[in-house]
Protein backbone atom coordinates (compact mmCIF):
# COMPACT_ATOMS: atom_id res chain seq x y z
CA MET A 1 -2.86 15.81 -17.99
CA ARG A 2 -0.80 13.42 -20.07
CA VAL A 3 2.29 14.00 -17.90
CA LEU A 4 0.25 13.37 -14.73
CA GLY A 5 -1.22 10.16 -16.13
CA GLU A 6 2.13 8.83 -17.29
CA SER A 7 3.75 9.78 -13.99
CA LEU A 8 1.08 7.88 -12.07
CA LEU A 9 1.58 4.87 -14.33
CA GLY A 10 5.33 4.99 -13.70
CA VAL A 11 4.95 5.32 -9.94
CA GLY A 12 2.40 2.49 -9.91
CA ALA A 13 4.65 0.23 -11.94
CA ALA A 14 7.60 0.99 -9.64
CA LEU A 15 5.53 0.23 -6.52
CA MET A 16 4.31 -3.04 -7.99
CA ALA A 17 7.88 -3.98 -8.91
CA LEU A 18 8.99 -3.21 -5.34
CA ALA A 19 6.14 -5.35 -4.05
CA GLY A 20 7.30 -8.23 -6.23
CA ILE A 21 10.87 -7.84 -5.02
CA GLY A 22 9.62 -7.72 -1.44
CA VAL A 23 7.67 -10.93 -1.88
CA LEU A 24 10.79 -12.63 -3.18
CA ARG A 25 13.36 -11.17 -0.78
CA LEU A 26 11.69 -10.72 2.63
CA PRO A 27 12.48 -13.36 5.26
CA ASP A 28 9.11 -14.74 6.37
CA VAL A 29 5.51 -15.15 5.29
CA TYR A 30 4.25 -12.29 7.44
CA ALA A 31 6.62 -9.71 5.96
CA ARG A 32 5.90 -11.02 2.48
CA LEU A 33 2.19 -10.54 3.05
CA GLN A 34 2.86 -6.93 4.04
CA ALA A 35 4.81 -6.26 0.86
CA GLY A 36 2.35 -8.10 -1.33
CA THR A 37 -0.72 -6.26 -0.10
CA LYS A 38 0.37 -2.74 0.79
CA ALA A 39 2.73 -1.87 -2.03
CA ALA A 40 0.85 -3.81 -4.69
CA SER A 41 -2.48 -2.25 -3.74
CA LEU A 42 -1.04 1.26 -3.76
CA GLY A 43 0.74 0.55 -7.04
CA LEU A 44 -2.43 -0.76 -8.62
CA ALA A 45 -4.30 2.32 -7.38
CA CYS A 46 -1.72 4.56 -9.06
CA VAL A 47 -1.96 2.57 -12.29
CA PHE A 48 -5.77 2.76 -12.28
CA VAL A 49 -5.82 6.50 -11.58
CA GLY A 50 -3.19 7.10 -14.25
CA THR A 51 -5.22 5.07 -16.73
CA ALA A 52 -8.37 7.03 -15.84
CA VAL A 53 -6.48 10.28 -16.44
CA LEU A 54 -5.15 9.10 -19.80
CA LEU A 55 -8.45 7.63 -20.98
CA PRO A 56 -11.09 10.19 -20.04
CA GLY A 57 -14.64 8.97 -19.98
CA ALA A 58 -17.27 8.06 -17.46
CA SER A 59 -17.44 4.37 -18.35
CA VAL A 60 -13.66 3.91 -18.02
CA ALA A 61 -13.61 5.74 -14.69
CA VAL A 62 -16.50 3.68 -13.30
CA LYS A 63 -14.96 0.38 -14.35
CA LEU A 64 -11.54 1.30 -12.95
CA GLY A 65 -13.12 2.62 -9.76
CA LEU A 66 -15.07 -0.59 -9.20
CA ALA A 67 -11.99 -2.71 -9.87
CA LEU A 68 -9.97 -0.59 -7.44
CA VAL A 69 -12.60 -0.85 -4.70
CA PHE A 70 -12.72 -4.63 -5.19
CA GLN A 71 -8.92 -4.82 -4.96
CA LEU A 72 -8.73 -2.63 -1.85
CA LEU A 73 -11.41 -4.69 -0.12
CA THR A 74 -10.15 -8.16 -0.98
CA ALA A 75 -6.34 -7.87 -0.72
CA PRO A 76 -6.20 -7.09 3.02
CA LEU A 77 -8.80 -9.75 3.75
CA ALA A 78 -6.84 -12.38 1.82
CA ALA A 79 -3.61 -11.36 3.58
CA HIS A 80 -5.32 -11.66 6.96
CA VAL A 81 -6.60 -15.15 6.18
CA ILE A 82 -3.20 -16.29 4.89
CA GLY A 83 -1.41 -14.81 7.91
CA ARG A 84 -3.85 -16.45 10.30
CA ALA A 85 -3.41 -19.81 8.59
CA ALA A 86 0.36 -19.44 8.73
CA TYR A 87 0.24 -18.61 12.45
CA ARG A 88 -2.03 -21.55 13.22
CA ALA A 89 0.23 -23.84 11.19
CA GLY A 90 3.10 -22.86 13.46
CA ILE A 91 5.20 -21.02 10.92
CA PRO A 92 7.62 -18.94 13.00
CA ALA A 93 7.91 -15.20 12.56
CA TRP A 94 11.32 -13.72 11.89
CA ARG A 95 12.68 -11.92 14.98
CA LEU A 96 9.51 -12.27 17.05
CA GLU A 97 10.34 -11.50 20.69
CA LEU A 98 6.85 -11.35 22.20
CA ASP A 99 3.85 -13.33 20.98
CA GLU A 100 0.80 -11.49 22.28
CA LEU A 101 -1.58 -13.65 20.26
CA ARG A 102 -0.59 -16.96 21.85
CA ASP A 103 -2.98 -16.57 24.81
CA ARG A 104 -5.88 -15.43 22.64
CA VAL A 105 -5.91 -18.22 20.06
CA SER A 106 -8.18 -21.15 20.86
CA THR A 107 -5.89 -23.74 19.27
CA PRO A 108 -2.19 -23.16 19.91
CA PRO A 109 0.10 -23.23 16.90
CA ARG A 110 2.03 -26.40 16.23
CA PRO A 111 5.79 -26.19 16.64
CA PRO A 112 7.69 -26.33 13.36
CA GLU A 113 8.98 -29.73 12.35
CA PRO A 114 12.77 -30.14 12.16
């Protein structure tokens, strides 16, 4: 069990590091949101499960489970709100060829200032 727990901690730490690199290196806000929510959430899930394996006990598992559920519910919601605000502010997407949302948004995005 110790090897499984430590492996999950290592995988989780690697995924969170990749998420951090993605946030720093990706070209636009929309891609950064993807890296920041998907990889970081999966990495945190691996870290929490690895911690639960290494520290057996019902109270530890319940606390980590509640924290994980909170993370998995709030991270995508926050990314959606930030992405929506960025779109409405007129921040251009990198390599966007077709904007299917333009006709559905009540207030069109402002063009970026030079």
